[in-house]
Structures are given as C-alpha cells and as structure tokens.
Amino acid sequence: ENKVVTELPLNGRQYLNLVALAPNVNVLSPSAGQAGARLGGERAQQSISAGGQRIFFNYYTLDGVNNTDPNFNNYIALPSIDAIQEFKVQTGVYPAEYGHQSTQVNVVTKSGGNTFHGSIFEFIRDDKFDAKPYCFTGACPAKSPFKWNDYGFEMDGPIWRDKLFFMVNFE
C-alpha cells in the first residue's frame, strides 16, 4: 500500500516533488524556454535534471505507456497521489524495457483487487490557519491571503473476482 507517499506533506500534492529526494537529482534548473508561453501552468515549471543530464533527457511513463510530451520532454498526465501505487526514478543503466532517455520517471497506478478500498479527502490551506507575520517594527504587515481546497476520492475493487478490477480517482 502507498500510505507513506500519501502521508508526506507535499506542497500541491504532486508526486514529482518527491523526485527531488532521489540521489543525483536537481530540480533547480531553468525550465524549457518556450514552455511558459506554450504550455503554461505546472507543466511549464517542470525542470528535473538527473544524473547530470539536461532537463530535456527525461522520459516519463504511466503504467508502462509513454507519458512524455514530445515537444518539451515533460509529463503529459499527472495522476493524483492517491491513485499512485509506486514511482521510480532511474538514471544511467537500466533494463531495455525502459530504454529511451538517460532518465526514466516510471509511475504505476493502483490496479484494484478482490476487496473494495477507497478514500475521500479534502486538504484545506487557508490564511485563517496561518500565523501572523512577525513584527520587526511598529508597522506589522498583513497576512498574505491564500485559499486552496483540494478534495477528491479514490476507489478500487473487483468487477469480476480474480479476473477484472477497477480503480477510479478524482481530485
């Protein structure tokens, strides 16, 4: 089960933030030049450099299928943390089944089983829960407004016992 990953305090609940914990990985590289204008959002900010390679030498797979944007070599689909069973970052020498680029980011989603499992969640980040900024002078700065609610569910189980399973996720 993936309890360890789901319980980590990830900013934005994005599993790619955990890639930075892998050895020989740098996430401080500049992002792709035109990605901001063409992609926008989170995908444009992705800049994972592993094994001393440039950010363009990453290859993303999702359940063994290519999940790499051919123009900018970043991910296409980003599954929810609750839908992920495991992920692995590989650099250098790895089996031929993965061989495409110098860095592989492989993600496997949950597949379901013979019993029903599920979770419902809501993560609330609100400035009401934040502390006031420290006052160094007589004029105290106001708190920065911030509101972010992330909610969803994950459910998996059998359709046909020992033969066919399902997993559904929404975030």
Protein backbone atom coordinates (compact mmCIF):
# COMPACT_ATOMS: atom_id res chain seq x y z
CA GLU A 1 0.00 0.00 0.00
CA ASN A 2 1.13 3.57 -0.65
CA LYS A 3 0.49 5.07 2.78
CA VAL A 4 3.96 6.56 3.06
CA VAL A 5 3.61 8.64 -0.13
CA THR A 6 0.09 9.87 0.62
CA GLU A 7 1.03 10.94 4.14
CA LEU A 8 4.03 13.04 3.12
CA PRO A 9 3.45 16.81 3.27
CA LEU A 10 3.68 17.58 -0.43
CA ASN A 11 3.08 21.15 -1.48
CA GLY A 12 0.40 20.87 -4.14
CA ARG A 13 0.14 17.07 -3.64
CA GLN A 14 2.33 16.39 -6.67
CA TYR A 15 4.42 13.22 -6.65
CA LEU A 16 7.12 14.81 -8.81
CA ASN A 17 8.17 16.86 -5.77
CA LEU A 18 9.45 13.56 -4.34
CA VAL A 19 11.76 13.09 -7.33
CA ALA A 20 14.00 15.71 -5.72
CA LEU A 21 14.65 13.23 -2.89
CA ALA A 22 16.25 10.73 -5.27
CA PRO A 23 20.04 10.71 -5.38
CA ASN A 24 21.79 12.69 -8.11
CA VAL A 25 18.69 14.80 -8.93
CA ASN A 26 18.49 18.58 -9.26
CA VAL A 27 15.17 20.45 -9.56
CA LEU A 28 16.66 23.95 -9.64
CA SER A 29 17.45 24.00 -13.36
CA PRO A 30 15.77 26.63 -15.53
CA SER A 31 12.60 25.41 -17.25
CA ALA A 32 12.26 24.99 -21.03
CA GLY A 33 12.48 28.31 -22.88
CA GLN A 34 9.14 28.35 -24.70
CA ALA A 35 7.26 26.09 -22.28
CA GLY A 36 5.76 29.01 -20.37
CA ALA A 37 4.17 30.52 -23.46
CA ARG A 38 3.01 27.25 -25.00
CA LEU A 39 2.17 25.04 -22.02
CA GLY A 40 1.64 27.33 -19.06
CA GLY A 41 0.91 26.18 -15.51
CA GLU A 42 2.66 23.39 -13.64
CA ARG A 43 3.96 21.60 -16.73
CA ALA A 44 5.90 24.68 -17.85
CA GLN A 45 7.68 24.90 -14.49
CA GLN A 46 8.97 21.31 -14.55
CA SER A 47 12.76 21.20 -14.52
CA ILE A 48 14.09 17.87 -13.32
CA SER A 49 17.74 17.19 -14.07
CA ALA A 50 19.00 13.74 -13.05
CA GLY A 51 22.39 12.17 -13.46
CA GLY A 52 23.93 15.43 -14.66
CA GLN A 53 21.75 15.47 -17.77
CA ARG A 54 19.73 18.37 -19.14
CA ILE A 55 16.01 18.59 -18.39
CA PHE A 56 15.26 17.52 -21.98
CA PHE A 57 16.60 13.99 -21.36
CA ASN A 58 13.76 12.80 -19.13
CA TYR A 59 11.28 10.12 -20.13
CA TYR A 60 8.01 9.70 -18.23
CA THR A 61 5.91 6.53 -18.28
CA LEU A 62 2.50 5.89 -16.75
CA ASP A 63 1.69 2.19 -16.30
CA GLY A 64 4.38 1.33 -18.84
CA VAL A 65 2.99 3.68 -21.52
CA ASN A 66 4.78 6.75 -22.83
CA ASN A 67 3.68 9.81 -20.81
CA THR A 68 6.21 12.24 -22.29
CA ASP A 69 5.35 15.39 -24.23
CA PRO A 70 7.45 15.13 -27.41
CA ASN A 71 7.96 18.91 -27.65
CA PHE A 72 9.24 19.70 -24.16
CA ASN A 73 10.06 16.27 -22.66
CA ASN A 74 7.90 16.78 -19.60
CA TYR A 75 4.90 14.77 -18.39
CA ILE A 76 1.52 14.79 -20.14
CA ALA A 77 -0.77 13.31 -17.48
CA LEU A 78 -0.19 13.81 -13.76
CA PRO A 79 -2.03 11.22 -11.66
CA SER A 80 -3.20 12.02 -8.16
CA ILE A 81 -1.06 10.91 -5.22
CA ASP A 82 -3.95 8.70 -4.06
CA ALA A 83 -4.01 6.85 -7.41
CA ILE A 84 -0.28 6.02 -7.43
CA GLN A 85 0.93 2.64 -6.25
CA GLU A 86 4.62 3.33 -6.84
CA PHE A 87 7.01 5.50 -8.77
CA LYS A 88 10.67 5.13 -9.52
CA VAL A 89 13.41 7.39 -10.88
CA GLN A 90 16.10 5.59 -12.86
CA THR A 91 19.28 7.05 -14.26
CA GLY A 92 22.12 5.52 -16.20
CA VAL A 93 21.94 1.78 -16.81
CA TYR A 94 18.51 0.15 -16.59
CA PRO A 95 16.73 -2.76 -18.31
CA ALA A 96 15.90 -2.48 -22.02
CA GLU A 97 12.17 -2.36 -21.27
CA TYR A 98 12.66 1.24 -20.08
CA GLY A 99 15.36 2.32 -22.55
CA HIS A 100 14.51 5.63 -24.13
CA GLN A 101 16.28 8.55 -22.43
CA SER A 102 19.01 8.85 -19.83
CA THR A 103 16.50 9.45 -17.01
CA GLN A 104 13.30 7.45 -16.52
CA VAL A 105 10.42 8.53 -14.24
CA ASN A 106 8.18 5.46 -14.07
CA VAL A 107 4.76 5.62 -12.40
CA VAL A 108 2.43 2.70 -11.68
CA THR A 109 -1.17 3.40 -10.67
CA LYS A 110 -3.24 1.25 -8.36
CA SER A 111 -4.97 -1.60 -10.13
CA GLY A 112 -7.65 -2.77 -7.70
CA GLY A 113 -8.08 -6.16 -6.12
CA ASN A 114 -10.61 -8.65 -4.79
CA THR A 115 -11.71 -6.35 -1.95
CA PHE A 116 -13.05 -2.83 -2.10
CA HIS A 117 -10.82 0.01 -0.89
CA GLY A 118 -11.29 3.73 -1.02
CA SER A 119 -10.61 7.10 0.48
CA ILE A 120 -12.25 10.51 0.50
CA PHE A 121 -10.11 13.54 1.23
CA GLU A 122 -10.05 17.29 1.47
CA PHE A 123 -6.90 19.28 2.07
CA ILE A 124 -7.55 22.85 3.15
CA ARG A 125 -4.95 25.58 3.09
CA ASP A 126 -6.30 28.94 4.17
CA ASP A 127 -4.75 32.10 5.54
CA LYS A 128 -7.14 31.80 8.52
CA PHE A 129 -4.91 28.97 9.77
CA ASP A 130 -1.65 30.88 9.21
CA ALA A 131 0.22 32.75 11.92
CA LYS A 132 0.57 36.49 11.68
CA PRO A 133 3.88 37.72 10.27
CA TYR A 134 6.49 38.61 12.85
CA CYS A 135 6.74 42.33 13.55
CA PHE A 136 10.25 43.72 13.45
CA THR A 137 8.95 47.29 13.58
CA GLY A 138 5.82 49.02 14.87
CA ALA A 139 4.06 48.57 11.50
CA CYS A 140 3.07 44.90 11.27
CA PRO A 141 2.49 43.56 7.76
CA ALA A 142 -0.87 41.96 6.99
CA LYS A 143 -1.17 38.24 6.34
CA SER A 144 -0.99 37.24 2.71
CA PRO A 145 -4.38 35.96 1.50
CA PHE A 146 -4.31 32.31 0.44
CA LYS A 147 -7.16 29.87 -0.09
CA TRP A 148 -6.74 26.40 -1.58
CA ASN A 149 -9.11 23.45 -1.21
CA ASP A 150 -8.06 20.16 -2.76
CA TYR A 151 -10.68 17.44 -2.48
CA GLY A 152 -11.41 14.13 -4.14
CA PHE A 153 -11.67 10.39 -3.78
CA GLU A 154 -10.06 7.11 -4.81
CA MET A 155 -11.93 3.80 -5.01
CA ASP A 156 -10.87 0.38 -6.26
CA GLY A 157 -12.20 -3.15 -6.16
CA PRO A 158 -13.36 -6.18 -8.13
CA ILE A 159 -15.70 -6.24 -11.10
CA TRP A 160 -15.29 -9.97 -11.70
CA ARG A 161 -13.50 -11.79 -8.85
CA ASP A 162 -9.90 -12.82 -9.68
CA LYS A 163 -10.36 -11.62 -13.29
CA LEU A 164 -11.30 -7.96 -13.71
CA PHE A 165 -10.72 -5.00 -11.38
CA PHE A 166 -11.32 -1.25 -11.41
CA MET A 167 -9.76 1.84 -9.93
CA VAL A 168 -11.28 5.32 -10.18
CA ASN A 169 -9.82 8.57 -8.89
CA PHE A 170 -10.89 12.19 -8.87
CA GLU A 171 -9.02 15.16 -7.46
